[in-house]
Amino acid sequence: MALPSFAQHMRVLETSNIVLSQKAGRVRRFALAPQALAGAERWMLDQREIWEQRLDRMQDYVKGLATNKEKP
């Protein structure tokens, strides 16, 4: 990735408060702001729970089909 493209990506992340930057001379250091990702993490955990429940129900349904198919 070219430096200008990288810098643009980092500016977007900094504007979103996902990373913090500090400039010392010609060097700019970036640090992750984990608290900014807390909302996304909660949403992903909620989605994971929903999909695990759906997959568990689907697994039960498929097992039921297999059980019914085995009966004469």
PDB file of N, CA and C in Angstrom:
ATOM      1  N   MET A   1       0.855  -1.164   0.000  1.00  0.00           N
ATOM      2  CA  MET A   1       0.000   0.000   0.000  1.00  0.00           C
ATOM      3  C   MET A   1       0.907   1.235   0.000  1.00  0.00           C
ATOM      4  N   ALA A   2       0.569   2.173  -0.815  1.00  0.00           N
ATOM      5  CA  ALA A   2       1.344   3.411  -0.896  1.00  0.00           C
ATOM      6  C   ALA A   2       1.088   4.273   0.340  1.00  0.00           C
ATOM      7  N   LEU A   3       2.074   5.056   0.723  1.00  0.00           N
ATOM      8  CA  LEU A   3       1.964   5.888   1.919  1.00  0.00           C
ATOM      9  C   LEU A   3       0.773   6.843   1.877  1.00  0.00           C
ATOM     10  N   PRO A   4       0.485   7.520   0.751  1.00  0.00           N
ATOM     11  CA  PRO A   4      -0.682   8.399   0.733  1.00  0.00           C
ATOM     12  C   PRO A   4      -2.006   7.662   0.985  1.00  0.00           C
ATOM     13  N   SER A   5      -2.115   6.455   0.459  1.00  0.00           N
ATOM     14  CA  SER A   5      -3.335   5.659   0.697  1.00  0.00           C
ATOM     15  C   SER A   5      -3.434   5.257   2.159  1.00  0.00           C
ATOM     16  N   PHE A   6      -2.317   4.854   2.725  1.00  0.00           N
ATOM     17  CA  PHE A   6      -2.286   4.481   4.135  1.00  0.00           C
ATOM     18  C   PHE A   6      -2.666   5.677   5.005  1.00  0.00           C
ATOM     19  N   ALA A   7      -2.090   6.828   4.699  1.00  0.00           N
ATOM     20  CA  ALA A   7      -2.368   8.043   5.473  1.00  0.00           C
ATOM     21  C   ALA A   7      -3.853   8.410   5.386  1.00  0.00           C
ATOM     22  N   GLN A   8      -4.436   8.238   4.216  1.00  0.00           N
ATOM     23  CA  GLN A   8      -5.868   8.531   4.053  1.00  0.00           C
ATOM     24  C   GLN A   8      -6.702   7.588   4.920  1.00  0.00           C
ATOM     25  N   HIS A   9      -6.368   6.314   4.934  1.00  0.00           N
ATOM     26  CA  HIS A   9      -7.094   5.354   5.768  1.00  0.00           C
ATOM     27  C   HIS A   9      -6.975   5.717   7.241  1.00  0.00           C
ATOM     28  N   MET A  10      -5.770   6.087   7.646  1.00  0.00           N
ATOM     29  CA  MET A  10      -5.562   6.442   9.041  1.00  0.00           C
ATOM     30  C   MET A  10      -6.331   7.712   9.412  1.00  0.00           C
ATOM     31  N   ARG A  11      -6.436   8.662   8.493  1.00  0.00           N
ATOM     32  CA  ARG A  11      -7.233   9.871   8.760  1.00  0.00           C
ATOM     33  C   ARG A  11      -8.698   9.527   8.968  1.00  0.00           C
ATOM     34  N   VAL A  12      -9.203   8.606   8.171  1.00  0.00           N
ATOM     35  CA  VAL A  12     -10.605   8.193   8.324  1.00  0.00           C
ATOM     36  C   VAL A  12     -10.806   7.541   9.693  1.00  0.00           C
ATOM     37  N   LEU A  13      -9.894   6.667  10.092  1.00  0.00           N
ATOM     38  CA  LEU A  13      -9.997   6.022  11.402  1.00  0.00           C
ATOM     39  C   LEU A  13      -9.863   7.039  12.531  1.00  0.00           C
ATOM     40  N   GLU A  14      -9.012   8.031  12.345  1.00  0.00           N
ATOM     41  CA  GLU A  14      -8.843   9.061  13.371  1.00  0.00           C
ATOM     42  C   GLU A  14     -10.087   9.944  13.464  1.00  0.00           C
ATOM     43  N   THR A  15     -10.679  10.278  12.335  1.00  0.00           N
ATOM     44  CA  THR A  15     -11.914  11.071  12.320  1.00  0.00           C
ATOM     45  C   THR A  15     -13.045  10.317  13.014  1.00  0.00           C
ATOM     46  N   SER A  16     -13.023   8.999  12.893  1.00  0.00           N
ATOM     47  CA  SER A  16     -14.040   8.154  13.519  1.00  0.00           C
ATOM     48  C   SER A  16     -13.733   7.862  14.981  1.00  0.00           C
ATOM     49  N   ASN A  17     -12.625   8.402  15.476  1.00  0.00           N
ATOM     50  CA  ASN A  17     -12.184   8.193  16.862  1.00  0.00           C
ATOM     51  C   ASN A  17     -11.867   6.735  17.179  1.00  0.00           C
ATOM     52  N   ILE A  18     -11.487   5.984  16.164  1.00  0.00           N
ATOM     53  CA  ILE A  18     -11.094   4.589  16.363  1.00  0.00           C
ATOM     54  C   ILE A  18      -9.607   4.510  16.694  1.00  0.00           C
ATOM     55  N   VAL A  19      -8.836   5.452  16.144  1.00  0.00           N
ATOM     56  CA  VAL A  19      -7.421   5.560  16.488  1.00  0.00           C
ATOM     57  C   VAL A  19      -7.124   6.988  16.921  1.00  0.00           C
ATOM     58  N   LEU A  20      -6.102   7.122  17.730  1.00  0.00           N
ATOM     59  CA  LEU A  20      -5.627   8.428  18.159  1.00  0.00           C
ATOM     60  C   LEU A  20      -4.231   8.596  17.580  1.00  0.00           C
ATOM     61  N   SER A  21      -3.867   9.831  17.223  1.00  0.00           N
ATOM     62  CA  SER A  21      -2.529  10.035  16.681  1.00  0.00           C
ATOM     63  C   SER A  21      -1.811  11.130  17.461  1.00  0.00           C
ATOM     64  N   GLN A  22      -0.500  11.012  17.421  1.00  0.00           N
ATOM     65  CA  GLN A  22       0.341  11.993  18.085  1.00  0.00           C
ATOM     66  C   GLN A  22       1.555  12.203  17.194  1.00  0.00           C
ATOM     67  N   LYS A  23       1.858  13.451  16.932  1.00  0.00           N
ATOM     68  CA  LYS A  23       2.982  13.764  16.059  1.00  0.00           C
ATOM     69  C   LYS A  23       4.144  14.274  16.904  1.00  0.00           C
ATOM     70  N   ALA A  24       5.317  13.716  16.652  1.00  0.00           N
ATOM     71  CA  ALA A  24       6.554  14.158  17.307  1.00  0.00           C
ATOM     72  C   ALA A  24       7.590  14.350  16.202  1.00  0.00           C
ATOM     73  N   GLY A  25       7.810  15.577  15.817  1.00  0.00           N
ATOM     74  CA  GLY A  25       8.721  15.855  14.706  1.00  0.00           C
ATOM     75  C   GLY A  25       8.112  15.384  13.401  1.00  0.00           C
ATOM     76  N   ARG A  26       8.851  14.553  12.680  1.00  0.00           N
ATOM     77  CA  ARG A  26       8.323  14.029  11.413  1.00  0.00           C
ATOM     78  C   ARG A  26       7.591  12.709  11.586  1.00  0.00           C
ATOM     79  N   VAL A  27       7.575  12.202  12.805  1.00  0.00           N
ATOM     80  CA  VAL A  27       6.973  10.887  13.074  1.00  0.00           C
ATOM     81  C   VAL A  27       5.580  11.057  13.656  1.00  0.00           C
ATOM     82  N   ARG A  28       4.628  10.320  13.093  1.00  0.00           N
ATOM     83  CA  ARG A  28       3.266  10.304  13.620  1.00  0.00           C
ATOM     84  C   ARG A  28       2.995   8.904  14.127  1.00  0.00           C
ATOM     85  N   ARG A  29       2.594   8.822  15.386  1.00  0.00           N
ATOM     86  CA  ARG A  29       2.296   7.524  16.004  1.00  0.00           C
ATOM     87  C   ARG A  29       0.790   7.403  16.200  1.00  0.00           C
ATOM     88  N   PHE A  30       0.311   6.206  15.938  1.00  0.00           N
ATOM     89  CA  PHE A  30      -1.115   5.926  16.081  1.00  0.00           C
ATOM     90  C   PHE A  30      -1.321   4.911  17.182  1.00  0.00           C
ATOM     91  N   ALA A  31      -2.404   5.069  17.912  1.00  0.00           N
ATOM     92  CA  ALA A  31      -2.771   4.120  18.960  1.00  0.00           C
ATOM     93  C   ALA A  31      -4.258   3.800  18.810  1.00  0.00           C
ATOM     94  N   LEU A  32      -4.587   2.548  19.001  1.00  0.00           N
ATOM     95  CA  LEU A  32      -5.973   2.105  18.921  1.00  0.00           C
ATOM     96  C   LEU A  32      -6.745   2.619  20.130  1.00  0.00           C
ATOM     97  N   ALA A  33      -7.974   3.061  19.904  1.00  0.00           N
ATOM     98  CA  ALA A  33      -8.863   3.506  20.979  1.00  0.00           C
ATOM     99  C   ALA A  33      -9.931   2.428  21.158  1.00  0.00           C
ATOM    100  N   PRO A  34      -9.665   1.403  21.978  1.00  0.00           N
ATOM    101  CA  PRO A  34     -10.565   0.259  22.072  1.00  0.00           C
ATOM    102  C   PRO A  34     -11.971   0.613  22.541  1.00  0.00           C
ATOM    103  N   GLN A  35     -12.117   1.653  23.367  1.00  0.00           N
ATOM    104  CA  GLN A  35     -13.455   2.022  23.830  1.00  0.00           C
ATOM    105  C   GLN A  35     -14.350   2.452  22.669  1.00  0.00           C
ATOM    106  N   ALA A  36     -13.750   2.927  21.587  1.00  0.00           N
ATOM    107  CA  ALA A  36     -14.538   3.335  20.424  1.00  0.00           C
ATOM    108  C   ALA A  36     -15.184   2.134  19.737  1.00  0.00           C
ATOM    109  N   LEU A  37     -14.630   0.956  19.945  1.00  0.00           N
ATOM    110  CA  LEU A  37     -15.153  -0.256  19.307  1.00  0.00           C
ATOM    111  C   LEU A  37     -16.135  -1.017  20.196  1.00  0.00           C
ATOM    112  N   ALA A  38     -16.395  -0.510  21.394  1.00  0.00           N
ATOM    113  CA  ALA A  38     -17.274  -1.215  22.330  1.00  0.00           C
ATOM    114  C   ALA A  38     -18.680  -1.404  21.768  1.00  0.00           C
ATOM    115  N   GLY A  39     -19.213  -0.389  21.117  1.00  0.00           N
ATOM    116  CA  GLY A  39     -20.556  -0.505  20.532  1.00  0.00           C
ATOM    117  C   GLY A  39     -20.611  -1.565  19.445  1.00  0.00           C
ATOM    118  N   ALA A  40     -19.602  -1.590  18.593  1.00  0.00           N
ATOM    119  CA  ALA A  40     -19.548  -2.604  17.535  1.00  0.00           C
ATOM    120  C   ALA A  40     -19.393  -3.999  18.127  1.00  0.00           C
ATOM    121  N   GLU A  41     -18.612  -4.104  19.186  1.00  0.00           N
ATOM    122  CA  GLU A  41     -18.423  -5.401  19.838  1.00  0.00           C
ATOM    123  C   GLU A  41     -19.736  -5.910  20.434  1.00  0.00           C
ATOM    124  N   ARG A  42     -20.490  -5.021  21.085  1.00  0.00           N
ATOM    125  CA  ARG A  42     -21.792  -5.428  21.654  1.00  0.00           C
ATOM    126  C   ARG A  42     -22.728  -5.902  20.549  1.00  0.00           C
ATOM    127  N   TRP A  43     -22.765  -5.172  19.435  1.00  0.00           N
ATOM    128  CA  TRP A  43     -23.645  -5.540  18.323  1.00  0.00           C
ATOM    129  C   TRP A  43     -23.242  -6.915  17.779  1.00  0.00           C
ATOM    130  N   MET A  44     -21.933  -7.139  17.609  1.00  0.00           N
ATOM    131  CA  MET A  44     -21.478  -8.428  17.079  1.00  0.00           C
ATOM    132  C   MET A  44     -21.806  -9.571  18.033  1.00  0.00           C
ATOM    133  N   LEU A  45     -21.685  -9.341  19.331  1.00  0.00           N
ATOM    134  CA  LEU A  45     -22.037 -10.381  20.301  1.00  0.00           C
ATOM    135  C   LEU A  45     -23.527 -10.695  20.251  1.00  0.00           C
ATOM    136  N   ASP A  46     -24.357  -9.647  20.105  1.00  0.00           N
ATOM    137  CA  ASP A  46     -25.799  -9.865  19.967  1.00  0.00           C
ATOM    138  C   ASP A  46     -26.102 -10.668  18.715  1.00  0.00           C
ATOM    139  N   GLN A  47     -25.456 -10.317  17.609  1.00  0.00           N
ATOM    140  CA  GLN A  47     -25.672 -11.035  16.350  1.00  0.00           C
ATOM    141  C   GLN A  47     -25.209 -12.481  16.465  1.00  0.00           C
ATOM    142  N   ARG A  48     -24.099 -12.691  17.144  1.00  0.00           N
ATOM    143  CA  ARG A  48     -23.595 -14.059  17.318  1.00  0.00           C
ATOM    144  C   ARG A  48     -24.613 -14.907  18.072  1.00  0.00           C
ATOM    145  N   GLU A  49     -25.171 -14.344  19.146  1.00  0.00           N
ATOM    146  CA  GLU A  49     -26.165 -15.078  19.920  1.00  0.00           C
ATOM    147  C   GLU A  49     -27.387 -15.423  19.065  1.00  0.00           C
ATOM    148  N   ILE A  50     -27.861 -14.460  18.283  1.00  0.00           N
ATOM    149  CA  ILE A  50     -29.016 -14.691  17.408  1.00  0.00           C
ATOM    150  C   ILE A  50     -28.716 -15.818  16.420  1.00  0.00           C
ATOM    151  N   TRP A  51     -27.545 -15.765  15.763  1.00  0.00           N
ATOM    152  CA  TRP A  51     -27.221 -16.770  14.754  1.00  0.00           C
ATOM    153  C   TRP A  51     -26.940 -18.134  15.373  1.00  0.00           C
ATOM    154  N   GLU A  52     -26.369 -18.175  16.561  1.00  0.00           N
ATOM    155  CA  GLU A  52     -26.172 -19.474  17.213  1.00  0.00           C
ATOM    156  C   GLU A  52     -27.510 -20.118  17.532  1.00  0.00           C
ATOM    157  N   GLN A  53     -28.484 -19.330  17.979  1.00  0.00           N
ATOM    158  CA  GLN A  53     -29.818 -19.863  18.255  1.00  0.00           C
ATOM    159  C   GLN A  53     -30.466 -20.377  16.965  1.00  0.00           C
ATOM    160  N   ARG A  54     -30.326 -19.623  15.891  1.00  0.00           N
ATOM    161  CA  ARG A  54     -30.899 -20.045  14.603  1.00  0.00           C
ATOM    162  C   ARG A  54     -30.257 -21.337  14.116  1.00  0.00           C
ATOM    163  N   LEU A  55     -28.938 -21.419  14.219  1.00  0.00           N
ATOM    164  CA  LEU A  55     -28.246 -22.626  13.769  1.00  0.00           C
ATOM    165  C   LEU A  55     -28.579 -23.824  14.643  1.00  0.00           C
ATOM    166  N   ASP A  56     -28.747 -23.607  15.944  1.00  0.00           N
ATOM    167  CA  ASP A  56     -29.163 -24.704  16.822  1.00  0.00           C
ATOM    168  C   ASP A  56     -30.541 -25.222  16.430  1.00  0.00           C
ATOM    169  N   ARG A  57     -31.475 -24.307  16.132  1.00  0.00           N
ATOM    170  CA  ARG A  57     -32.821 -24.723  15.702  1.00  0.00           C
ATOM    171  C   ARG A  57     -32.759 -25.469  14.376  1.00  0.00           C
ATOM    172  N   MET A  58     -31.899 -25.004  13.459  1.00  0.00           N
ATOM    173  CA  MET A  58     -31.775 -25.675  12.168  1.00  0.00           C
ATOM    174  C   MET A  58     -31.183 -27.070  12.352  1.00  0.00           C
ATOM    175  N   GLN A  59     -30.196 -27.195  13.237  1.00  0.00           N
ATOM    176  CA  GLN A  59     -29.599 -28.497  13.505  1.00  0.00           C
ATOM    177  C   GLN A  59     -30.645 -29.455  14.078  1.00  0.00           C
ATOM    178  N   ASP A  60     -31.455 -28.989  15.008  1.00  0.00           N
ATOM    179  CA  ASP A  60     -32.514 -29.820  15.573  1.00  0.00           C
ATOM    180  C   ASP A  60     -33.501 -30.255  14.488  1.00  0.00           C
ATOM    181  N   TYR A  61     -33.838 -29.332  13.586  1.00  0.00           N
ATOM    182  CA  TYR A  61     -34.777 -29.634  12.505  1.00  0.00           C
ATOM    183  C   TYR A  61     -34.202 -30.713  11.578  1.00  0.00           C
ATOM    184  N   VAL A  62     -32.925 -30.559  11.204  1.00  0.00           N
ATOM    185  CA  VAL A  62     -32.296 -31.532  10.301  1.00  0.00           C
ATOM    186  C   VAL A  62     -32.186 -32.893  10.978  1.00  0.00           C
ATOM    187  N   LYS A  63     -31.849 -32.915  12.259  1.00  0.00           N
ATOM    188  CA  LYS A  63     -31.802 -34.179  12.981  1.00  0.00           C
ATOM    189  C   LYS A  63     -33.174 -34.828  13.021  1.00  0.00           C
ATOM    190  N   GLY A  64     -34.208 -34.018  13.192  1.00  0.00           N
ATOM    191  CA  GLY A  64     -35.580 -34.539  13.188  1.00  0.00           C
ATOM    192  C   GLY A  64     -35.929 -35.145  11.835  1.00  0.00           C
ATOM    193  N   LEU A  65     -35.523 -34.503  10.759  1.00  0.00           N
ATOM    194  CA  LEU A  65     -35.772 -35.048   9.420  1.00  0.00           C
ATOM    195  C   LEU A  65     -35.068 -36.381   9.244  1.00  0.00           C
ATOM    196  N   ALA A  66     -33.825 -36.453   9.706  1.00  0.00           N
ATOM    197  CA  ALA A  66     -33.061 -37.701   9.569  1.00  0.00           C
ATOM    198  C   ALA A  66     -33.694 -38.806  10.392  1.00  0.00           C
ATOM    199  N   THR A  67     -34.187 -38.486  11.574  1.00  0.00           N
ATOM    200  CA  THR A  67     -34.840 -39.474  12.431  1.00  0.00           C
ATOM    201  C   THR A  67     -36.120 -39.979  11.786  1.00  0.00           C
ATOM    202  N   ASN A  68     -36.917 -39.086  11.220  1.00  0.00           N
ATOM    203  CA  ASN A  68     -38.162 -39.488  10.559  1.00  0.00           C
ATOM    204  C   ASN A  68     -37.902 -40.295   9.331  1.00  0.00           C
ATOM    205  N   LYS A  69     -36.823 -40.019   8.620  1.00  0.00           N
ATOM    206  CA  LYS A  69     -36.496 -40.752   7.409  1.00  0.00           C
ATOM    207  C   LYS A  69     -36.058 -42.179   7.704  1.00  0.00           C
ATOM    208  N   GLU A  70     -35.450 -42.389   8.865  1.00  0.00           N
ATOM    209  CA  GLU A  70     -34.962 -43.719   9.238  1.00  0.00           C
ATOM    210  C   GLU A  70     -36.109 -44.628   9.665  1.00  0.00           C
ATOM    211  N   LYS A  71     -37.225 -44.057  10.115  1.00  0.00           N
ATOM    212  CA  LYS A  71     -38.352 -44.883  10.552  1.00  0.00           C
ATOM    213  C   LYS A  71     -39.037 -45.502   9.327  1.00  0.00           C
ATOM    214  N   PRO A  72     -39.395 -46.782   9.447  1.00  0.00           N
ATOM    215  CA  PRO A  72     -40.041 -47.456   8.299  1.00  0.00           C
ATOM    216  C   PRO A  72     -41.475 -47.037   8.093  1.00  0.00           C
TER     217      PRO A  72
END
